[in-house]
All heavy atoms as atom14 arrays in JSON, in Angstrom:
{
  "sequence": "PDLVFVAWAGATSGAMWQALSQQGVLDEIPVVTGLGDSATFGA",
  "atom14_mask": [
    [1, 1, 1, 1, 1, 1, 1, 0, 0, 0, 0, 0, 0, 0],
    [1, 1, 1, 1, 1, 1, 1, 1, 0, 0, 0, 0, 0, 0],
    [1, 1, 1, 1, 1, 1, 1, 1, 0, 0, 0, 0, 0, 0],
    [1, 1, 1, 1, 1, 1, 1, 0, 0, 0, 0, 0, 0, 0],
    [1, 1, 1, 1, 1, 1, 1, 1, 1, 1, 1, 0, 0, 0],
    [1, 1, 1, 1, 1, 1, 1, 0, 0, 0, 0, 0, 0, 0],
    [1, 1, 1, 1, 1, 0, 0, 0, 0, 0, 0, 0, 0, 0],
    [1, 1, 1, 1, 1, 1, 1, 1, 1, 1, 1, 1, 1, 1],
    [1, 1, 1, 1, 1, 0, 0, 0, 0, 0, 0, 0, 0, 0],
    [1, 1, 1, 1, 0, 0, 0, 0, 0, 0, 0, 0, 0, 0],
    [1, 1, 1, 1, 1, 0, 0, 0, 0, 0, 0, 0, 0, 0],
    [1, 1, 1, 1, 1, 1, 1, 0, 0, 0, 0, 0, 0, 0],
    [1, 1, 1, 1, 1, 1, 0, 0, 0, 0, 0, 0, 0, 0],
    [1, 1, 1, 1, 0, 0, 0, 0, 0, 0, 0, 0, 0, 0],
    [1, 1, 1, 1, 1, 0, 0, 0, 0, 0, 0, 0, 0, 0],
    [1, 1, 1, 1, 1, 1, 1, 1, 0, 0, 0, 0, 0, 0],
    [1, 1, 1, 1, 1, 1, 1, 1, 1, 1, 1, 1, 1, 1],
    [1, 1, 1, 1, 1, 1, 1, 1, 1, 0, 0, 0, 0, 0],
    [1, 1, 1, 1, 1, 0, 0, 0, 0, 0, 0, 0, 0, 0],
    [1, 1, 1, 1, 1, 1, 1, 1, 0, 0, 0, 0, 0, 0],
    [1, 1, 1, 1, 1, 1, 0, 0, 0, 0, 0, 0, 0, 0],
    [1, 1, 1, 1, 1, 1, 1, 1, 1, 0, 0, 0, 0, 0],
    [1, 1, 1, 1, 1, 1, 1, 1, 1, 0, 0, 0, 0, 0],
    [1, 1, 1, 1, 0, 0, 0, 0, 0, 0, 0, 0, 0, 0],
    [1, 1, 1, 1, 1, 1, 1, 0, 0, 0, 0, 0, 0, 0],
    [1, 1, 1, 1, 1, 1, 1, 1, 0, 0, 0, 0, 0, 0],
    [1, 1, 1, 1, 1, 1, 1, 1, 0, 0, 0, 0, 0, 0],
    [1, 1, 1, 1, 1, 1, 1, 1, 1, 0, 0, 0, 0, 0],
    [1, 1, 1, 1, 1, 1, 1, 1, 0, 0, 0, 0, 0, 0],
    [1, 1, 1, 1, 1, 1, 1, 0, 0, 0, 0, 0, 0, 0],
    [1, 1, 1, 1, 1, 1, 1, 0, 0, 0, 0, 0, 0, 0],
    [1, 1, 1, 1, 1, 1, 1, 0, 0, 0, 0, 0, 0, 0],
    [1, 1, 1, 1, 1, 1, 1, 0, 0, 0, 0, 0, 0, 0],
    [1, 1, 1, 1, 0, 0, 0, 0, 0, 0, 0, 0, 0, 0],
    [1, 1, 1, 1, 1, 1, 1, 1, 0, 0, 0, 0, 0, 0],
    [1, 1, 1, 1, 0, 0, 0, 0, 0, 0, 0, 0, 0, 0],
    [1, 1, 1, 1, 1, 1, 1, 1, 0, 0, 0, 0, 0, 0],
    [1, 1, 1, 1, 1, 1, 0, 0, 0, 0, 0, 0, 0, 0],
    [1, 1, 1, 1, 1, 0, 0, 0, 0, 0, 0, 0, 0, 0],
    [1, 1, 1, 1, 1, 1, 1, 0, 0, 0, 0, 0, 0, 0],
    [1, 1, 1, 1, 1, 1, 1, 1, 1, 1, 1, 0, 0, 0],
    [1, 1, 1, 1, 0, 0, 0, 0, 0, 0, 0, 0, 0, 0],
    [1, 1, 1, 1, 1, 0, 0, 0, 0, 0, 0, 0, 0, 0]
  ],
  "atom14_positions": [
    [[94.02, 83.56, 189.39], [95.47, 83.69, 189.23], [96.02, 82.63, 188.29], [95.38, 81.6, 188.02], [95.98, 83.49, 190.65], [94.97, 82.58, 191.28], [93.65, 83.0, 190.7], [0.0, 0.0, 0.0], [0.0, 0.0, 0.0], [0.0, 0.0, 0.0], [0.0, 0.0, 0.0], [0.0, 0.0, 0.0], [0.0, 0.0, 0.0], [0.0, 0.0, 0.0]],
    [[97.23, 82.88, 187.82], [97.94, 81.9, 187.0], [98.69, 80.89, 187.86], [99.04, 79.8, 187.4], [98.93, 82.6, 186.07], [98.23, 83.54, 185.11], [97.49, 83.04, 184.24], [98.42, 84.77, 185.23], [0.0, 0.0, 0.0], [0.0, 0.0, 0.0], [0.0, 0.0, 0.0], [0.0, 0.0, 0.0], [0.0, 0.0, 0.0], [0.0, 0.0, 0.0]],
    [[98.95, 81.28, 189.1], [99.69, 80.42, 190.0], [99.31, 80.78, 191.44], [99.1, 81.94, 191.76], [101.21, 80.63, 189.83], [102.11, 79.81, 190.76], [102.2, 78.37, 190.27], [103.51, 80.42, 190.84], [0.0, 0.0, 0.0], [0.0, 0.0, 0.0], [0.0, 0.0, 0.0], [0.0, 0.0, 0.0], [0.0, 0.0, 0.0], [0.0, 0.0, 0.0]],
    [[99.22, 79.76, 192.28], [99.01, 79.97, 193.72], [100.25, 79.49, 194.46], [100.68, 78.34, 194.29], [97.78, 79.21, 194.24], [97.61, 79.43, 195.75], [96.52, 79.65, 193.5], [0.0, 0.0, 0.0], [0.0, 0.0, 0.0], [0.0, 0.0, 0.0], [0.0, 0.0, 0.0], [0.0, 0.0, 0.0], [0.0, 0.0, 0.0], [0.0, 0.0, 0.0]],
    [[100.83, 80.38, 195.25], [101.95, 80.02, 196.1], [101.41, 79.93, 197.52], [100.93, 80.91, 198.07], [103.07, 81.06, 196.02], [104.26, 80.74, 196.9], [105.28, 79.94, 196.44], [104.34, 81.24, 198.19], [106.37, 79.64, 197.24], [105.41, 80.95, 199.01], [106.44, 80.14, 198.53], [0.0, 0.0, 0.0], [0.0, 0.0, 0.0], [0.0, 0.0, 0.0]],
    [[101.48, 78.75, 198.12], [100.95, 78.53, 199.46], [102.08, 78.49, 200.47], [103.05, 77.73, 200.31], [100.13, 77.22, 199.53], [99.61, 76.99, 200.95], [98.98, 77.25, 198.54], [0.0, 0.0, 0.0], [0.0, 0.0, 0.0], [0.0, 0.0, 0.0], [0.0, 0.0, 0.0], [0.0, 0.0, 0.0], [0.0, 0.0, 0.0], [0.0, 0.0, 0.0]],
    [[101.99, 79.32, 201.51], [102.96, 79.34, 202.6], [102.21, 79.1, 203.9], [101.48, 79.98, 204.36], [103.7, 80.68, 202.63], [0.0, 0.0, 0.0], [0.0, 0.0, 0.0], [0.0, 0.0, 0.0], [0.0, 0.0, 0.0], [0.0, 0.0, 0.0], [0.0, 0.0, 0.0], [0.0, 0.0, 0.0], [0.0, 0.0, 0.0], [0.0, 0.0, 0.0]],
    [[102.36, 77.92, 204.48], [101.54, 77.54, 205.62], [102.36, 76.74, 206.61], [103.26, 75.98, 206.22], [100.36, 76.69, 205.16], [99.13, 76.85, 206.02], [98.81, 76.14, 207.15], [98.07, 77.78, 205.81], [97.62, 76.58, 207.65], [97.14, 77.59, 206.85], [97.81, 78.75, 204.86], [95.96, 78.33, 206.96], [96.66, 79.5, 204.96], [95.74, 79.28, 205.99]],
    [[102.06, 76.87, 207.89], [102.75, 76.09, 208.92], [101.78, 75.78, 210.04], [100.86, 76.55, 210.32], [103.95, 76.88, 209.47], [0.0, 0.0, 0.0], [0.0, 0.0, 0.0], [0.0, 0.0, 0.0], [0.0, 0.0, 0.0], [0.0, 0.0, 0.0], [0.0, 0.0, 0.0], [0.0, 0.0, 0.0], [0.0, 0.0, 0.0], [0.0, 0.0, 0.0]],
    [[101.97, 74.62, 210.67], [101.19, 74.32, 211.86], [100.08, 73.31, 211.67], [99.92, 72.69, 210.61], [0.0, 0.0, 0.0], [0.0, 0.0, 0.0], [0.0, 0.0, 0.0], [0.0, 0.0, 0.0], [0.0, 0.0, 0.0], [0.0, 0.0, 0.0], [0.0, 0.0, 0.0], [0.0, 0.0, 0.0], [0.0, 0.0, 0.0], [0.0, 0.0, 0.0]],
    [[99.25, 73.18, 212.71], [98.29, 72.08, 212.82], [97.1, 72.21, 211.88], [96.37, 71.24, 211.68], [97.8, 71.98, 214.26], [0.0, 0.0, 0.0], [0.0, 0.0, 0.0], [0.0, 0.0, 0.0], [0.0, 0.0, 0.0], [0.0, 0.0, 0.0], [0.0, 0.0, 0.0], [0.0, 0.0, 0.0], [0.0, 0.0, 0.0], [0.0, 0.0, 0.0]],
    [[96.86, 73.38, 211.3], [95.68, 73.56, 210.44], [95.97, 73.22, 208.98], [95.1, 73.4, 208.12], [95.16, 75.0, 210.53], [96.2, 75.92, 210.13], [94.71, 75.34, 211.94], [0.0, 0.0, 0.0], [0.0, 0.0, 0.0], [0.0, 0.0, 0.0], [0.0, 0.0, 0.0], [0.0, 0.0, 0.0], [0.0, 0.0, 0.0], [0.0, 0.0, 0.0]],
    [[97.17, 72.73, 208.69], [97.54, 72.46, 207.3], [96.58, 71.5, 206.62], [96.16, 71.72, 205.47], [98.97, 71.88, 207.23], [99.92, 72.82, 207.66], [0.0, 0.0, 0.0], [0.0, 0.0, 0.0], [0.0, 0.0, 0.0], [0.0, 0.0, 0.0], [0.0, 0.0, 0.0], [0.0, 0.0, 0.0], [0.0, 0.0, 0.0], [0.0, 0.0, 0.0]],
    [[96.2, 70.41, 207.31], [95.32, 69.42, 206.7], [93.98, 70.0, 206.31], [93.49, 69.77, 205.19], [0.0, 0.0, 0.0], [0.0, 0.0, 0.0], [0.0, 0.0, 0.0], [0.0, 0.0, 0.0], [0.0, 0.0, 0.0], [0.0, 0.0, 0.0], [0.0, 0.0, 0.0], [0.0, 0.0, 0.0], [0.0, 0.0, 0.0], [0.0, 0.0, 0.0]],
    [[93.36, 70.77, 207.2], [92.06, 71.37, 206.9], [92.16, 72.37, 205.77], [91.25, 72.48, 204.93], [91.51, 72.05, 208.16], [0.0, 0.0, 0.0], [0.0, 0.0, 0.0], [0.0, 0.0, 0.0], [0.0, 0.0, 0.0], [0.0, 0.0, 0.0], [0.0, 0.0, 0.0], [0.0, 0.0, 0.0], [0.0, 0.0, 0.0], [0.0, 0.0, 0.0]],
    [[93.27, 73.1, 205.73], [93.46, 74.09, 204.66], [93.53, 73.39, 203.29], [92.85, 73.79, 202.34], [94.73, 74.9, 204.93], [95.04, 75.94, 203.86], [96.0, 75.3, 202.45], [97.55, 74.88, 203.26], [0.0, 0.0, 0.0], [0.0, 0.0, 0.0], [0.0, 0.0, 0.0], [0.0, 0.0, 0.0], [0.0, 0.0, 0.0], [0.0, 0.0, 0.0]],
    [[94.35, 72.33, 203.2], [94.49, 71.64, 201.91], [93.2, 70.95, 201.5], [92.86, 70.89, 200.31], [95.64, 70.64, 201.98], [96.98, 71.29, 201.92], [97.9, 71.41, 202.92], [97.55, 71.96, 200.79], [98.99, 72.11, 202.48], [98.81, 72.46, 201.18], [97.11, 72.2, 199.49], [99.63, 73.17, 200.31], [97.92, 72.9, 198.63], [99.16, 73.38, 199.03]],
    [[92.47, 70.45, 202.46], [91.18, 69.82, 202.15], [90.23, 70.83, 201.53], [89.53, 70.53, 200.55], [90.58, 69.23, 203.43], [89.27, 68.46, 203.17], [88.72, 67.84, 204.44], [88.94, 68.37, 205.54], [88.03, 66.74, 204.32], [0.0, 0.0, 0.0], [0.0, 0.0, 0.0], [0.0, 0.0, 0.0], [0.0, 0.0, 0.0], [0.0, 0.0, 0.0]],
    [[90.22, 72.03, 202.07], [89.35, 73.07, 201.52], [89.76, 73.44, 200.1], [88.9, 73.59, 199.22], [89.38, 74.3, 202.42], [0.0, 0.0, 0.0], [0.0, 0.0, 0.0], [0.0, 0.0, 0.0], [0.0, 0.0, 0.0], [0.0, 0.0, 0.0], [0.0, 0.0, 0.0], [0.0, 0.0, 0.0], [0.0, 0.0, 0.0], [0.0, 0.0, 0.0]],
    [[91.05, 73.58, 199.85], [91.5, 73.91, 198.49], [91.12, 72.8, 197.51], [90.71, 73.07, 196.37], [93.01, 74.12, 198.46], [93.59, 75.33, 199.2], [95.08, 75.51, 198.85], [92.83, 76.61, 198.88], [0.0, 0.0, 0.0], [0.0, 0.0, 0.0], [0.0, 0.0, 0.0], [0.0, 0.0, 0.0], [0.0, 0.0, 0.0], [0.0, 0.0, 0.0]],
    [[91.24, 71.56, 197.96], [90.91, 70.44, 197.08], [89.4, 70.38, 196.83], [88.96, 70.25, 195.68], [91.39, 69.14, 197.72], [91.06, 68.03, 196.92], [0.0, 0.0, 0.0], [0.0, 0.0, 0.0], [0.0, 0.0, 0.0], [0.0, 0.0, 0.0], [0.0, 0.0, 0.0], [0.0, 0.0, 0.0], [0.0, 0.0, 0.0], [0.0, 0.0, 0.0]],
    [[88.61, 70.5, 197.88], [87.15, 70.39, 197.74], [86.58, 71.51, 196.89], [85.59, 71.31, 196.17], [86.5, 70.38, 199.12], [86.75, 69.12, 199.92], [86.14, 69.17, 201.3], [85.77, 70.23, 201.8], [86.03, 68.01, 201.95], [0.0, 0.0, 0.0], [0.0, 0.0, 0.0], [0.0, 0.0, 0.0], [0.0, 0.0, 0.0], [0.0, 0.0, 0.0]],
    [[87.17, 72.68, 196.95], [86.66, 73.82, 196.17], [87.23, 73.87, 194.76], [86.9, 74.77, 193.98], [86.99, 75.12, 196.91], [86.3, 75.25, 198.26], [84.79, 75.16, 198.15], [84.18, 75.85, 197.34], [84.19, 74.29, 198.96], [0.0, 0.0, 0.0], [0.0, 0.0, 0.0], [0.0, 0.0, 0.0], [0.0, 0.0, 0.0], [0.0, 0.0, 0.0]],
    [[88.08, 72.92, 194.4], [88.57, 72.81, 193.03], [89.79, 73.65, 192.7], [90.18, 73.74, 191.53], [0.0, 0.0, 0.0], [0.0, 0.0, 0.0], [0.0, 0.0, 0.0], [0.0, 0.0, 0.0], [0.0, 0.0, 0.0], [0.0, 0.0, 0.0], [0.0, 0.0, 0.0], [0.0, 0.0, 0.0], [0.0, 0.0, 0.0], [0.0, 0.0, 0.0]],
    [[90.42, 74.28, 193.71], [91.58, 75.12, 193.43], [92.7, 74.31, 192.8], [93.34, 74.75, 191.83], [92.08, 75.81, 194.73], [93.37, 76.57, 194.47], [91.01, 76.75, 195.28], [0.0, 0.0, 0.0], [0.0, 0.0, 0.0], [0.0, 0.0, 0.0], [0.0, 0.0, 0.0], [0.0, 0.0, 0.0], [0.0, 0.0, 0.0], [0.0, 0.0, 0.0]],
    [[92.94, 73.11, 193.32], [94.04, 72.29, 192.82], [93.79, 71.77, 191.41], [94.73, 71.4, 190.7], [94.29, 71.12, 193.77], [94.64, 71.5, 195.21], [94.82, 70.26, 196.07], [95.9, 72.35, 195.24], [0.0, 0.0, 0.0], [0.0, 0.0, 0.0], [0.0, 0.0, 0.0], [0.0, 0.0, 0.0], [0.0, 0.0, 0.0], [0.0, 0.0, 0.0]],
    [[92.53, 71.72, 191.0], [92.21, 71.28, 189.65], [92.26, 72.42, 188.65], [92.56, 72.22, 187.46], [90.8, 70.65, 189.62], [90.72, 69.37, 190.41], [91.65, 68.56, 190.32], [89.72, 69.19, 191.15], [0.0, 0.0, 0.0], [0.0, 0.0, 0.0], [0.0, 0.0, 0.0], [0.0, 0.0, 0.0], [0.0, 0.0, 0.0], [0.0, 0.0, 0.0]],
    [[92.0, 73.64, 189.13], [91.86, 74.77, 188.23], [93.15, 75.58, 188.05], [93.36, 76.18, 186.99], [90.77, 75.72, 188.76], [89.38, 75.11, 188.82], [88.83, 74.8, 187.44], [89.18, 75.52, 186.48], [88.06, 73.82, 187.32], [0.0, 0.0, 0.0], [0.0, 0.0, 0.0], [0.0, 0.0, 0.0], [0.0, 0.0, 0.0], [0.0, 0.0, 0.0]],
    [[94.01, 75.58, 189.07], [95.16, 76.5, 189.08], [96.41, 75.76, 189.5], [96.37, 74.96, 190.45], [94.9, 77.66, 190.07], [93.55, 78.33, 189.78], [96.03, 78.7, 190.01], [93.07, 79.23, 190.92], [0.0, 0.0, 0.0], [0.0, 0.0, 0.0], [0.0, 0.0, 0.0], [0.0, 0.0, 0.0], [0.0, 0.0, 0.0], [0.0, 0.0, 0.0]],
    [[97.55, 75.99, 188.85], [98.81, 75.4, 189.32], [99.14, 75.9, 190.73], [99.02, 77.09, 191.02], [99.85, 75.9, 188.31], [99.05, 76.26, 187.09], [97.74, 76.75, 187.59], [0.0, 0.0, 0.0], [0.0, 0.0, 0.0], [0.0, 0.0, 0.0], [0.0, 0.0, 0.0], [0.0, 0.0, 0.0], [0.0, 0.0, 0.0], [0.0, 0.0, 0.0]],
    [[99.54, 74.98, 191.59], [99.84, 75.31, 192.99], [101.27, 74.87, 193.32], [101.66, 73.73, 193.05], [98.85, 74.64, 193.95], [99.25, 74.88, 195.4], [97.43, 75.17, 193.7], [0.0, 0.0, 0.0], [0.0, 0.0, 0.0], [0.0, 0.0, 0.0], [0.0, 0.0, 0.0], [0.0, 0.0, 0.0], [0.0, 0.0, 0.0], [0.0, 0.0, 0.0]],
    [[102.02, 75.79, 193.91], [103.37, 75.5, 194.39], [103.4, 75.75, 195.89], [102.87, 76.76, 196.37], [104.43, 76.39, 193.7], [105.81, 76.13, 194.28], [104.43, 76.17, 192.2], [0.0, 0.0, 0.0], [0.0, 0.0, 0.0], [0.0, 0.0, 0.0], [0.0, 0.0, 0.0], [0.0, 0.0, 0.0], [0.0, 0.0, 0.0], [0.0, 0.0, 0.0]],
    [[104.01, 74.85, 196.62], [104.13, 75.06, 198.07], [105.36, 74.36, 198.59], [105.98, 73.54, 197.9], [102.88, 74.54, 198.81], [102.89, 75.02, 200.15], [102.84, 73.02, 198.81], [0.0, 0.0, 0.0], [0.0, 0.0, 0.0], [0.0, 0.0, 0.0], [0.0, 0.0, 0.0], [0.0, 0.0, 0.0], [0.0, 0.0, 0.0], [0.0, 0.0, 0.0]],
    [[105.71, 74.69, 199.81], [106.82, 74.01, 200.45], [106.36, 72.7, 201.05], [105.28, 72.63, 201.66], [0.0, 0.0, 0.0], [0.0, 0.0, 0.0], [0.0, 0.0, 0.0], [0.0, 0.0, 0.0], [0.0, 0.0, 0.0], [0.0, 0.0, 0.0], [0.0, 0.0, 0.0], [0.0, 0.0, 0.0], [0.0, 0.0, 0.0], [0.0, 0.0, 0.0]],
    [[107.15, 71.66, 200.87], [106.83, 70.38, 201.5], [107.2, 70.47, 202.97], [108.34, 70.73, 203.33], [107.62, 69.25, 200.83], [107.32, 67.85, 201.36], [105.87, 67.46, 201.08], [108.26, 66.82, 200.75], [0.0, 0.0, 0.0], [0.0, 0.0, 0.0], [0.0, 0.0, 0.0], [0.0, 0.0, 0.0], [0.0, 0.0, 0.0], [0.0, 0.0, 0.0]],
    [[106.2, 70.27, 203.82], [106.39, 70.4, 205.25], [107.04, 69.17, 205.87], [107.69, 68.37, 205.19], [0.0, 0.0, 0.0], [0.0, 0.0, 0.0], [0.0, 0.0, 0.0], [0.0, 0.0, 0.0], [0.0, 0.0, 0.0], [0.0, 0.0, 0.0], [0.0, 0.0, 0.0], [0.0, 0.0, 0.0], [0.0, 0.0, 0.0], [0.0, 0.0, 0.0]],
    [[106.86, 69.01, 207.17], [107.44, 67.86, 207.86], [106.62, 66.62, 207.56], [105.56, 66.67, 206.93], [107.58, 68.13, 209.35], [106.24, 68.4, 210.03], [105.23, 68.58, 209.32], [106.22, 68.43, 211.27], [0.0, 0.0, 0.0], [0.0, 0.0, 0.0], [0.0, 0.0, 0.0], [0.0, 0.0, 0.0], [0.0, 0.0, 0.0], [0.0, 0.0, 0.0]],
    [[107.12, 65.47, 208.02], [106.5, 64.19, 207.66], [105.06, 64.07, 208.13], [104.28, 63.33, 207.53], [107.33, 63.04, 208.22], [107.46, 63.15, 209.63], [0.0, 0.0, 0.0], [0.0, 0.0, 0.0], [0.0, 0.0, 0.0], [0.0, 0.0, 0.0], [0.0, 0.0, 0.0], [0.0, 0.0, 0.0], [0.0, 0.0, 0.0], [0.0, 0.0, 0.0]],
    [[104.7, 64.82, 209.16], [103.32, 64.76, 209.65], [102.32, 65.28, 208.64], [101.13, 64.97, 208.71], [103.2, 65.55, 210.95], [0.0, 0.0, 0.0], [0.0, 0.0, 0.0], [0.0, 0.0, 0.0], [0.0, 0.0, 0.0], [0.0, 0.0, 0.0], [0.0, 0.0, 0.0], [0.0, 0.0, 0.0], [0.0, 0.0, 0.0], [0.0, 0.0, 0.0]],
    [[102.79, 66.07, 207.68], [101.88, 66.66, 206.68], [101.81, 65.86, 205.38], [101.01, 66.19, 204.52], [102.33, 68.09, 206.33], [103.57, 68.06, 205.6], [102.49, 68.94, 207.58], [0.0, 0.0, 0.0], [0.0, 0.0, 0.0], [0.0, 0.0, 0.0], [0.0, 0.0, 0.0], [0.0, 0.0, 0.0], [0.0, 0.0, 0.0], [0.0, 0.0, 0.0]],
    [[102.63, 64.83, 205.23], [102.69, 64.13, 203.95], [101.34, 63.55, 203.54], [101.01, 63.49, 202.36], [103.73, 63.01, 203.97], [105.15, 63.48, 204.08], [106.18, 62.58, 204.32], [105.48, 64.82, 203.94], [107.49, 63.0, 204.42], [106.79, 65.25, 204.05], [107.8, 64.34, 204.29], [0.0, 0.0, 0.0], [0.0, 0.0, 0.0], [0.0, 0.0, 0.0]],
    [[100.57, 63.12, 204.51], [99.27, 62.53, 204.19], [98.17, 63.55, 204.05], [97.05, 63.19, 203.67], [0.0, 0.0, 0.0], [0.0, 0.0, 0.0], [0.0, 0.0, 0.0], [0.0, 0.0, 0.0], [0.0, 0.0, 0.0], [0.0, 0.0, 0.0], [0.0, 0.0, 0.0], [0.0, 0.0, 0.0], [0.0, 0.0, 0.0], [0.0, 0.0, 0.0]],
    [[98.48, 64.82, 204.32], [97.42, 65.83, 204.32], [96.92, 66.17, 202.93], [95.79, 66.64, 202.78], [97.94, 67.11, 205.0], [0.0, 0.0, 0.0], [0.0, 0.0, 0.0], [0.0, 0.0, 0.0], [0.0, 0.0, 0.0], [0.0, 0.0, 0.0], [0.0, 0.0, 0.0], [0.0, 0.0, 0.0], [0.0, 0.0, 0.0], [0.0, 0.0, 0.0]]
  ]
}
């Protein structure tokens, strides 16, 4: 894709973002998402 729009909520956010990062999605494709609550800032 030319763009990935991520819509996610809840406790699995950290594992989801880790997978996208490890598989290179964030390096290969522009990603837009909503900034969640403060608990997710470090994810």
